[in-house]
Amino acid sequence: MRQRPISVIIFGILNIGYALFGYVGILIASAMAHMATGANPFLQAMNSNPNYAIWKSINTGFVVIGGTILLAAGVGLLLLQNWARVISIVWGILDIIFALAGSFFTFHFMQPFATQAKVPPAAAGIMQAMMTVGFVFGLVVALAYPILLLIFMTRPKIVEAFQPPMPSLPPPAPS
């Protein structure tokens, strides 16, 4: 039986956890979308923006499909299947691209919500600062896992662990 490196076990579990975390995030976002915005002008501006609605749909689809793929890859990593390592690498690359696209969206579409919302200038400035901090923090967090996954899944020791075992040679025939 092949030896499973501990990092493969850890990333298998992390893949499963990351996928489940994404599903929970979608459920929370869905619940929040159905809450009354009340007197919150920022939420009213967001919910009335068609670009935000499109982005929310794209994000939900990516999280559901990507999460399902990542969940399968996590199980595959635990079973030491090479396809799971390859899928983890592909997911990592796609997630990095998606995180950068999400950051672009956040920067270009979410920032104006603070000015669209009818709030006092001081509150708008605080909202801008909070969004900027959230943007930077969110990007770092969003990129951390896929980058680590790519680094570990391409290490030579890990690639070797996923290779099929070499068949053993039969004992030499007696002469």
N, C-alpha and C. Protein backbone atom coordinates (compact mmCIF):
# COMPACT_ATOMS: atom_id res chain seq x y z
N MET A 1 0.84 -1.18 0.00
CA MET A 1 0.00 0.00 0.00
C MET A 1 0.88 1.24 0.00
N ARG A 2 0.47 2.24 -0.78
CA ARG A 2 1.24 3.47 -0.88
C ARG A 2 1.10 4.29 0.41
N GLN A 3 2.17 4.98 0.71
CA GLN A 3 2.18 5.86 1.89
C GLN A 3 1.52 7.19 1.55
N ARG A 4 0.56 7.61 2.36
CA ARG A 4 -0.10 8.90 2.18
C ARG A 4 0.65 9.97 2.95
N PRO A 5 1.23 10.95 2.25
CA PRO A 5 1.86 12.06 2.98
C PRO A 5 0.82 12.80 3.81
N ILE A 6 1.21 13.26 4.96
CA ILE A 6 0.28 13.95 5.86
C ILE A 6 -0.31 15.19 5.20
N SER A 7 0.47 15.88 4.35
CA SER A 7 -0.07 17.08 3.68
C SER A 7 -1.21 16.72 2.74
N VAL A 8 -1.19 15.53 2.14
CA VAL A 8 -2.29 15.10 1.27
C VAL A 8 -3.56 14.89 2.11
N ILE A 9 -3.40 14.27 3.27
CA ILE A 9 -4.55 14.07 4.16
C ILE A 9 -5.09 15.43 4.61
N ILE A 10 -4.20 16.32 5.00
CA ILE A 10 -4.62 17.64 5.45
C ILE A 10 -5.36 18.38 4.34
N PHE A 11 -4.81 18.37 3.12
CA PHE A 11 -5.47 19.09 2.03
C PHE A 11 -6.74 18.39 1.58
N GLY A 12 -6.83 17.09 1.72
CA GLY A 12 -8.10 16.41 1.45
C GLY A 12 -9.18 16.89 2.39
N ILE A 13 -8.84 16.97 3.67
CA ILE A 13 -9.79 17.46 4.68
C ILE A 13 -10.10 18.94 4.44
N LEU A 14 -9.07 19.73 4.13
CA LEU A 14 -9.29 21.16 3.87
C LEU A 14 -10.16 21.38 2.64
N ASN A 15 -9.97 20.58 1.60
CA ASN A 15 -10.83 20.70 0.41
C ASN A 15 -12.29 20.49 0.79
N ILE A 16 -12.54 19.45 1.56
CA ILE A 16 -13.91 19.15 1.98
C ILE A 16 -14.44 20.30 2.84
N GLY A 17 -13.64 20.76 3.79
CA GLY A 17 -14.06 21.85 4.67
C GLY A 17 -14.29 23.14 3.90
N TYR A 18 -13.41 23.45 2.95
CA TYR A 18 -13.54 24.68 2.16
C TYR A 18 -14.82 24.64 1.33
N ALA A 19 -15.13 23.48 0.76
CA ALA A 19 -16.36 23.33 -0.02
C ALA A 19 -17.58 23.54 0.88
N LEU A 20 -17.58 22.91 2.04
CA LEU A 20 -18.71 23.04 2.97
C LEU A 20 -18.84 24.48 3.46
N PHE A 21 -17.72 25.14 3.70
CA PHE A 21 -17.72 26.54 4.11
C PHE A 21 -18.37 27.41 3.03
N GLY A 22 -18.09 27.12 1.77
CA GLY A 22 -18.70 27.85 0.66
C GLY A 22 -20.20 27.64 0.61
N TYR A 23 -20.65 26.40 0.84
CA TYR A 23 -22.08 26.13 0.85
C TYR A 23 -22.77 26.90 1.98
N VAL A 24 -22.16 26.92 3.15
CA VAL A 24 -22.73 27.66 4.29
C VAL A 24 -22.78 29.16 3.96
N GLY A 25 -21.73 29.66 3.32
CA GLY A 25 -21.71 31.07 2.93
C GLY A 25 -22.85 31.41 1.98
N ILE A 26 -23.13 30.52 1.05
CA ILE A 26 -24.24 30.75 0.10
C ILE A 26 -25.57 30.75 0.85
N LEU A 27 -25.73 29.83 1.80
CA LEU A 27 -26.97 29.81 2.58
C LEU A 27 -27.14 31.09 3.39
N ILE A 28 -26.07 31.56 4.00
CA ILE A 28 -26.14 32.81 4.78
C ILE A 28 -26.44 34.00 3.88
N ALA A 29 -25.77 34.07 2.72
CA ALA A 29 -26.01 35.16 1.79
C ALA A 29 -27.45 35.13 1.28
N SER A 30 -27.96 33.94 1.03
CA SER A 30 -29.34 33.81 0.58
C SER A 30 -30.31 34.28 1.65
N ALA A 31 -30.05 33.90 2.89
CA ALA A 31 -30.91 34.34 3.99
C ALA A 31 -30.86 35.86 4.14
N MET A 32 -29.66 36.41 4.02
CA MET A 32 -29.52 37.87 4.15
C MET A 32 -30.21 38.60 3.00
N ALA A 33 -30.21 38.01 1.81
CA ALA A 33 -30.84 38.65 0.65
C ALA A 33 -32.36 38.74 0.84
N HIS A 34 -32.90 37.81 1.60
CA HIS A 34 -34.35 37.81 1.81
C HIS A 34 -34.77 38.61 3.05
N MET A 35 -33.80 39.17 3.75
CA MET A 35 -34.13 40.01 4.90
C MET A 35 -34.56 41.38 4.41
N ALA A 36 -35.39 42.01 5.17
CA ALA A 36 -35.83 43.36 4.81
C ALA A 36 -34.65 44.32 4.95
N THR A 37 -34.47 45.17 3.94
CA THR A 37 -33.37 46.14 4.01
C THR A 37 -33.72 47.30 4.92
N GLY A 38 -34.99 47.46 5.19
CA GLY A 38 -35.41 48.51 6.13
C GLY A 38 -34.89 49.87 5.72
N ALA A 39 -34.32 50.57 6.66
CA ALA A 39 -33.84 51.93 6.42
C ALA A 39 -32.36 51.95 6.06
N ASN A 40 -31.79 50.81 5.69
CA ASN A 40 -30.37 50.76 5.37
C ASN A 40 -30.17 51.17 3.91
N PRO A 41 -29.72 52.39 3.65
CA PRO A 41 -29.59 52.86 2.27
C PRO A 41 -28.52 52.10 1.49
N PHE A 42 -27.50 51.62 2.17
CA PHE A 42 -26.44 50.87 1.49
C PHE A 42 -27.00 49.57 0.92
N LEU A 43 -27.75 48.82 1.74
CA LEU A 43 -28.34 47.56 1.27
C LEU A 43 -29.38 47.82 0.18
N GLN A 44 -30.13 48.89 0.30
CA GLN A 44 -31.11 49.23 -0.73
C GLN A 44 -30.41 49.52 -2.05
N ALA A 45 -29.32 50.25 -2.02
CA ALA A 45 -28.57 50.55 -3.24
C ALA A 45 -28.00 49.29 -3.86
N MET A 46 -27.47 48.40 -3.03
CA MET A 46 -26.92 47.14 -3.55
C MET A 46 -28.01 46.29 -4.19
N ASN A 47 -29.11 46.10 -3.48
CA ASN A 47 -30.16 45.21 -3.97
C ASN A 47 -30.88 45.75 -5.20
N SER A 48 -30.81 47.05 -5.45
CA SER A 48 -31.45 47.61 -6.63
C SER A 48 -30.51 47.68 -7.82
N ASN A 49 -29.25 47.30 -7.65
CA ASN A 49 -28.27 47.39 -8.73
C ASN A 49 -28.27 46.10 -9.55
N PRO A 50 -28.56 46.17 -10.87
CA PRO A 50 -28.59 44.95 -11.69
C PRO A 50 -27.22 44.27 -11.81
N ASN A 51 -26.14 45.05 -11.79
CA ASN A 51 -24.80 44.45 -11.85
C ASN A 51 -24.54 43.57 -10.63
N TYR A 52 -25.00 44.04 -9.48
CA TYR A 52 -24.82 43.26 -8.26
C TYR A 52 -25.62 41.95 -8.34
N ALA A 53 -26.82 42.02 -8.89
CA ALA A 53 -27.65 40.82 -9.03
C ALA A 53 -26.97 39.80 -9.95
N ILE A 54 -26.39 40.28 -11.04
CA ILE A 54 -25.68 39.37 -11.96
C ILE A 54 -24.48 38.76 -11.26
N TRP A 55 -23.69 39.59 -10.57
CA TRP A 55 -22.51 39.08 -9.88
C TRP A 55 -22.89 38.05 -8.82
N LYS A 56 -23.97 38.32 -8.10
CA LYS A 56 -24.42 37.40 -7.06
C LYS A 56 -24.77 36.03 -7.67
N SER A 57 -25.41 36.04 -8.83
CA SER A 57 -25.76 34.78 -9.51
C SER A 57 -24.51 34.04 -9.98
N ILE A 58 -23.58 34.77 -10.57
CA ILE A 58 -22.33 34.15 -11.02
C ILE A 58 -21.58 33.57 -9.84
N ASN A 59 -21.47 34.33 -8.76
CA ASN A 59 -20.75 33.88 -7.58
C ASN A 59 -21.41 32.63 -6.99
N THR A 60 -22.73 32.64 -6.89
CA THR A 60 -23.44 31.48 -6.34
C THR A 60 -23.17 30.25 -7.20
N GLY A 61 -23.26 30.40 -8.51
CA GLY A 61 -23.00 29.27 -9.40
C GLY A 61 -21.59 28.74 -9.26
N PHE A 62 -20.62 29.65 -9.18
CA PHE A 62 -19.22 29.22 -9.04
C PHE A 62 -19.01 28.49 -7.71
N VAL A 63 -19.59 29.02 -6.65
CA VAL A 63 -19.40 28.39 -5.34
C VAL A 63 -20.06 27.01 -5.30
N VAL A 64 -21.24 26.87 -5.87
CA VAL A 64 -21.93 25.58 -5.84
C VAL A 64 -21.20 24.56 -6.72
N ILE A 65 -20.89 24.94 -7.95
CA ILE A 65 -20.20 24.00 -8.86
C ILE A 65 -18.77 23.75 -8.39
N GLY A 66 -18.05 24.82 -8.09
CA GLY A 66 -16.67 24.68 -7.61
C GLY A 66 -16.61 23.91 -6.30
N GLY A 67 -17.57 24.17 -5.41
CA GLY A 67 -17.61 23.46 -4.13
C GLY A 67 -17.83 21.98 -4.31
N THR A 68 -18.71 21.62 -5.24
CA THR A 68 -18.98 20.21 -5.51
C THR A 68 -17.73 19.52 -6.07
N ILE A 69 -17.06 20.20 -6.98
CA ILE A 69 -15.82 19.66 -7.54
C ILE A 69 -14.76 19.53 -6.45
N LEU A 70 -14.64 20.54 -5.62
CA LEU A 70 -13.64 20.53 -4.55
C LEU A 70 -13.95 19.46 -3.51
N LEU A 71 -15.23 19.26 -3.23
CA LEU A 71 -15.65 18.20 -2.30
C LEU A 71 -15.23 16.83 -2.84
N ALA A 72 -15.50 16.59 -4.12
CA ALA A 72 -15.09 15.32 -4.74
C ALA A 72 -13.57 15.17 -4.73
N ALA A 73 -12.87 16.27 -5.03
CA ALA A 73 -11.41 16.22 -5.04
C ALA A 73 -10.87 15.94 -3.64
N GLY A 74 -11.50 16.49 -2.61
CA GLY A 74 -11.07 16.22 -1.24
C GLY A 74 -11.17 14.76 -0.89
N VAL A 75 -12.29 14.14 -1.26
CA VAL A 75 -12.45 12.71 -1.02
C VAL A 75 -11.41 11.93 -1.83
N GLY A 76 -11.22 12.34 -3.08
CA GLY A 76 -10.22 11.68 -3.92
C GLY A 76 -8.81 11.80 -3.37
N LEU A 77 -8.47 12.94 -2.79
CA LEU A 77 -7.15 13.10 -2.18
C LEU A 77 -6.98 12.14 -1.01
N LEU A 78 -8.02 12.00 -0.21
CA LEU A 78 -7.94 11.06 0.92
C LEU A 78 -7.75 9.63 0.45
N LEU A 79 -8.25 9.33 -0.76
CA LEU A 79 -8.10 7.99 -1.33
C LEU A 79 -6.86 7.88 -2.22
N LEU A 80 -6.06 8.95 -2.26
CA LEU A 80 -4.81 9.02 -3.02
C LEU A 80 -5.02 8.78 -4.52
N GLN A 81 -6.04 9.43 -5.06
CA GLN A 81 -6.34 9.34 -6.48
C GLN A 81 -5.69 10.51 -7.22
N ASN A 82 -4.95 10.23 -8.27
CA ASN A 82 -4.23 11.28 -8.99
C ASN A 82 -5.20 12.28 -9.63
N TRP A 83 -6.36 11.82 -10.10
CA TRP A 83 -7.33 12.73 -10.69
C TRP A 83 -7.71 13.83 -9.68
N ALA A 84 -7.76 13.49 -8.41
CA ALA A 84 -8.12 14.46 -7.38
C ALA A 84 -7.03 15.52 -7.23
N ARG A 85 -5.78 15.11 -7.36
CA ARG A 85 -4.67 16.07 -7.30
C ARG A 85 -4.75 17.02 -8.49
N VAL A 86 -5.01 16.48 -9.67
CA VAL A 86 -5.11 17.30 -10.88
C VAL A 86 -6.30 18.25 -10.78
N ILE A 87 -7.44 17.75 -10.33
CA ILE A 87 -8.63 18.60 -10.18
C ILE A 87 -8.37 19.68 -9.14
N SER A 88 -7.66 19.36 -8.07
CA SER A 88 -7.33 20.36 -7.05
C SER A 88 -6.47 21.47 -7.64
N ILE A 89 -5.54 21.11 -8.50
CA ILE A 89 -4.69 22.10 -9.16
C ILE A 89 -5.53 22.99 -10.07
N VAL A 90 -6.38 22.38 -10.89
CA VAL A 90 -7.24 23.14 -11.80
C VAL A 90 -8.17 24.05 -11.00
N TRP A 91 -8.77 23.51 -9.92
CA TRP A 91 -9.65 24.34 -9.08
C TRP A 91 -8.86 25.50 -8.48
N GLY A 92 -7.63 25.26 -8.03
CA GLY A 92 -6.82 26.32 -7.45
C GLY A 92 -6.58 27.45 -8.44
N ILE A 93 -6.26 27.10 -9.68
CA ILE A 93 -6.03 28.11 -10.71
C ILE A 93 -7.32 28.90 -10.99
N LEU A 94 -8.43 28.17 -11.15
CA LEU A 94 -9.71 28.84 -11.41
C LEU A 94 -10.14 29.70 -10.23
N ASP A 95 -9.88 29.25 -9.02
CA ASP A 95 -10.28 30.03 -7.85
C ASP A 95 -9.45 31.31 -7.73
N ILE A 96 -8.19 31.23 -8.09
CA ILE A 96 -7.36 32.45 -8.09
C ILE A 96 -7.92 33.45 -9.10
N ILE A 97 -8.24 32.97 -10.29
CA ILE A 97 -8.82 33.85 -11.32
C ILE A 97 -10.13 34.43 -10.82
N PHE A 98 -10.97 33.60 -10.21
CA PHE A 98 -12.26 34.06 -9.72
C PHE A 98 -12.10 35.06 -8.57
N ALA A 99 -11.13 34.83 -7.70
CA ALA A 99 -10.88 35.77 -6.60
C ALA A 99 -10.44 37.13 -7.14
N LEU A 100 -9.60 37.12 -8.16
CA LEU A 100 -9.17 38.38 -8.77
C LEU A 100 -10.34 39.08 -9.48
N ALA A 101 -11.18 38.29 -10.16
CA ALA A 101 -12.37 38.87 -10.81
C ALA A 101 -13.31 39.43 -9.75
N GLY A 102 -13.47 38.72 -8.66
CA GLY A 102 -14.33 39.21 -7.58
C GLY A 102 -13.79 40.49 -6.98
N SER A 103 -12.50 40.59 -6.88
CA SER A 103 -11.89 41.82 -6.38
C SER A 103 -12.12 42.97 -7.33
N PHE A 104 -11.99 42.70 -8.61
CA PHE A 104 -12.27 43.72 -9.63
C PHE A 104 -13.71 44.19 -9.50
N PHE A 105 -14.63 43.24 -9.39
CA PHE A 105 -16.04 43.59 -9.22
C PHE A 105 -16.24 44.44 -7.97
N THR A 106 -15.65 43.99 -6.88
CA THR A 106 -15.80 44.71 -5.62
C THR A 106 -15.29 46.14 -5.76
N PHE A 107 -14.12 46.28 -6.34
CA PHE A 107 -13.52 47.60 -6.46
C PHE A 107 -14.35 48.52 -7.35
N HIS A 108 -14.78 48.02 -8.51
CA HIS A 108 -15.44 48.88 -9.48
C HIS A 108 -16.94 49.04 -9.28
N PHE A 109 -17.59 48.05 -8.68
CA PHE A 109 -19.03 48.13 -8.56
C PHE A 109 -19.52 48.37 -7.14
N MET A 110 -18.82 47.83 -6.16
CA MET A 110 -19.29 47.97 -4.78
C MET A 110 -18.90 49.32 -4.18
N GLN A 111 -17.75 49.85 -4.54
CA GLN A 111 -17.33 51.14 -3.99
C GLN A 111 -18.34 52.25 -4.26
N PRO A 112 -18.91 52.34 -5.46
CA PRO A 112 -19.88 53.41 -5.71
C PRO A 112 -21.15 53.31 -4.86
N PHE A 113 -21.45 52.13 -4.31
CA PHE A 113 -22.64 52.01 -3.48
C PHE A 113 -22.59 52.96 -2.29
N ALA A 114 -21.41 53.20 -1.80
CA ALA A 114 -21.27 54.11 -0.65
C ALA A 114 -21.68 55.52 -1.05
N THR A 115 -21.43 55.90 -2.30
CA THR A 115 -21.82 57.24 -2.73
C THR A 115 -23.27 57.27 -3.21
N GLN A 116 -23.77 56.15 -3.75
CA GLN A 116 -25.17 56.07 -4.19
C GLN A 116 -26.12 56.11 -2.99
N ALA A 117 -25.69 55.46 -1.93
CA ALA A 117 -26.53 55.43 -0.73
C ALA A 117 -26.60 56.84 -0.15
N LYS A 118 -27.77 57.20 0.24
CA LYS A 118 -27.95 58.55 0.79
C LYS A 118 -27.61 58.52 2.28
N VAL A 119 -26.31 58.70 2.55
CA VAL A 119 -25.83 58.72 3.93
C VAL A 119 -25.02 59.99 4.14
N PRO A 120 -24.88 60.43 5.37
CA PRO A 120 -24.07 61.63 5.62
C PRO A 120 -22.63 61.42 5.12
N PRO A 121 -21.95 62.50 4.72
CA PRO A 121 -20.58 62.40 4.18
C PRO A 121 -19.62 61.67 5.12
N ALA A 122 -19.73 61.91 6.41
CA ALA A 122 -18.82 61.24 7.36
C ALA A 122 -19.04 59.74 7.33
N ALA A 123 -20.31 59.33 7.28
CA ALA A 123 -20.62 57.90 7.22
C ALA A 123 -20.14 57.29 5.91
N ALA A 124 -20.27 58.05 4.81
CA ALA A 124 -19.80 57.55 3.52
C ALA A 124 -18.29 57.34 3.55
N GLY A 125 -17.56 58.25 4.18
CA GLY A 125 -16.11 58.09 4.29
C GLY A 125 -15.73 56.86 5.10
N ILE A 126 -16.45 56.64 6.17
CA ILE A 126 -16.20 55.45 7.00
C ILE A 126 -16.52 54.19 6.21
N MET A 127 -17.64 54.23 5.45
CA MET A 127 -18.00 53.07 4.62
C MET A 127 -16.92 52.80 3.58
N GLN A 128 -16.39 53.84 2.95
CA GLN A 128 -15.32 53.68 1.95
C GLN A 128 -14.09 53.04 2.58
N ALA A 129 -13.71 53.53 3.75
CA ALA A 129 -12.53 52.97 4.43
C ALA A 129 -12.76 51.52 4.81
N MET A 130 -13.94 51.21 5.32
CA MET A 130 -14.24 49.83 5.71
C MET A 130 -14.25 48.91 4.49
N MET A 131 -14.79 49.41 3.38
CA MET A 131 -14.82 48.60 2.17
C MET A 131 -13.41 48.36 1.63
N THR A 132 -12.55 49.36 1.73
CA THR A 132 -11.17 49.20 1.26
C THR A 132 -10.43 48.17 2.11
N VAL A 133 -10.57 48.27 3.42
CA VAL A 133 -9.94 47.29 4.31
C VAL A 133 -10.52 45.90 4.03
N GLY A 134 -11.83 45.82 3.90
CA GLY A 134 -12.47 44.54 3.60
C GLY A 134 -12.02 43.98 2.27
N PHE A 135 -11.83 44.85 1.28
CA PHE A 135 -11.35 44.44 -0.04
C PHE A 135 -9.98 43.79 0.06
N VAL A 136 -9.05 44.47 0.73
CA VAL A 136 -7.68 43.94 0.84
C VAL A 136 -7.67 42.66 1.66
N PHE A 137 -8.32 42.67 2.80
CA PHE A 137 -8.38 41.48 3.66
C PHE A 137 -9.05 40.32 2.93
N GLY A 138 -10.16 40.62 2.25
CA GLY A 138 -10.88 39.58 1.51
C GLY A 138 -10.04 38.96 0.41
N LEU A 139 -9.27 39.80 -0.29
CA LEU A 139 -8.42 39.28 -1.37
C LEU A 139 -7.33 38.38 -0.81
N VAL A 140 -6.70 38.78 0.27
CA VAL A 140 -5.64 37.96 0.88
C VAL A 140 -6.22 36.62 1.33
N VAL A 141 -7.36 36.65 1.98
CA VAL A 141 -8.00 35.42 2.46
C VAL A 141 -8.42 34.55 1.28
N ALA A 142 -9.00 35.17 0.25
CA ALA A 142 -9.48 34.42 -0.91
C ALA A 142 -8.34 33.75 -1.67
N LEU A 143 -7.16 34.36 -1.68
CA LEU A 143 -6.03 33.80 -2.43
C LEU A 143 -5.21 32.81 -1.62
N ALA A 144 -5.29 32.85 -0.31
CA ALA A 144 -4.42 32.03 0.53
C ALA A 144 -4.59 30.54 0.26
N TYR A 145 -5.80 30.03 0.33
CA TYR A 145 -5.98 28.58 0.18
C TYR A 145 -5.64 28.07 -1.21
N PRO A 146 -6.15 28.68 -2.29
CA PRO A 146 -5.79 28.13 -3.60
C PRO A 146 -4.29 28.18 -3.90
N ILE A 147 -3.62 29.21 -3.42
CA ILE A 147 -2.16 29.28 -3.64
C ILE A 147 -1.45 28.18 -2.86
N LEU A 148 -1.82 27.99 -1.62
CA LEU A 148 -1.21 26.90 -0.83
C LEU A 148 -1.51 25.54 -1.46
N LEU A 149 -2.72 25.36 -1.93
CA LEU A 149 -3.10 24.10 -2.58
C LEU A 149 -2.24 23.85 -3.81
N LEU A 150 -2.03 24.88 -4.63
CA LEU A 150 -1.18 24.73 -5.81
C LEU A 150 0.25 24.38 -5.43
N ILE A 151 0.77 25.05 -4.43
CA ILE A 151 2.15 24.79 -4.00
C ILE A 151 2.30 23.34 -3.55
N PHE A 152 1.40 22.88 -2.71
CA PHE A 152 1.54 21.53 -2.16
C PHE A 152 1.24 20.45 -3.19
N MET A 153 0.25 20.65 -4.04
CA MET A 153 -0.12 19.60 -5.00
C MET A 153 0.88 19.46 -6.14
N THR A 154 1.80 20.41 -6.29
CA THR A 154 2.80 20.31 -7.35
C THR A 154 4.19 19.97 -6.81
N ARG A 155 4.31 19.78 -5.50
CA ARG A 155 5.61 19.40 -4.94
C ARG A 155 5.99 18.00 -5.42
N PRO A 156 7.26 17.77 -5.77
CA PRO A 156 7.67 16.47 -6.32
C PRO A 156 7.30 15.28 -5.41
N LYS A 157 7.46 15.43 -4.12
CA LYS A 157 7.14 14.33 -3.20
C LYS A 157 5.65 13.98 -3.26
N ILE A 158 4.80 15.00 -3.42
CA ILE A 158 3.36 14.77 -3.50
C ILE A 158 3.00 14.14 -4.84
N VAL A 159 3.57 14.66 -5.92
CA VAL A 159 3.32 14.09 -7.25
C VAL A 159 3.71 12.62 -7.26
N GLU A 160 4.83 12.31 -6.66
CA GLU A 160 5.32 10.92 -6.60
C GLU A 160 4.37 10.04 -5.80
N ALA A 161 3.80 10.57 -4.73
CA ALA A 161 2.90 9.77 -3.90
C ALA A 161 1.65 9.35 -4.66
N PHE A 162 1.28 10.09 -5.69
CA PHE A 162 0.07 9.77 -6.45
C PHE A 162 0.34 8.85 -7.63
N GLN A 163 1.59 8.53 -7.88
CA GLN A 163 1.92 7.64 -8.99
C GLN A 163 1.56 6.21 -8.62
N PRO A 164 1.10 5.44 -9.60
CA PRO A 164 0.78 4.04 -9.28
C PRO A 164 2.04 3.31 -8.82
N PRO A 165 1.87 2.37 -7.91
CA PRO A 165 3.05 1.63 -7.43
C PRO A 165 3.67 0.82 -8.57
N MET A 166 4.98 0.71 -8.52
CA MET A 166 5.69 -0.09 -9.52
C MET A 166 5.41 -1.56 -9.25
N PRO A 167 5.10 -2.30 -10.32
CA PRO A 167 4.85 -3.73 -10.09
C PRO A 167 6.14 -4.41 -9.63
N SER A 168 5.96 -5.29 -8.71
CA SER A 168 7.15 -5.99 -8.21
C SER A 168 7.51 -7.10 -9.21
N LEU A 169 8.80 -7.30 -9.35
CA LEU A 169 9.27 -8.34 -10.28
C LEU A 169 9.08 -9.71 -9.63
N PRO A 170 8.70 -10.67 -10.45
CA PRO A 170 8.57 -12.01 -9.88
C PRO A 170 9.95 -12.54 -9.50
N PRO A 171 10.01 -13.41 -8.53
CA PRO A 171 11.31 -13.95 -8.15
C PRO A 171 11.93 -14.70 -9.34
N PRO A 172 13.26 -14.72 -9.39
CA PRO A 172 13.90 -15.41 -10.52
C PRO A 172 13.59 -16.91 -10.47
N ALA A 173 13.42 -17.47 -11.67
CA ALA A 173 13.13 -18.90 -11.77
C ALA A 173 14.38 -19.71 -11.36
N PRO A 174 14.14 -20.81 -10.66
CA PRO A 174 15.30 -21.65 -10.30
C PRO A 174 15.97 -22.19 -11.55
N SER A 175 17.30 -22.28 -11.53
CA SER A 175 18.00 -22.78 -12.70
C SER A 175 18.27 -24.23 -12.60
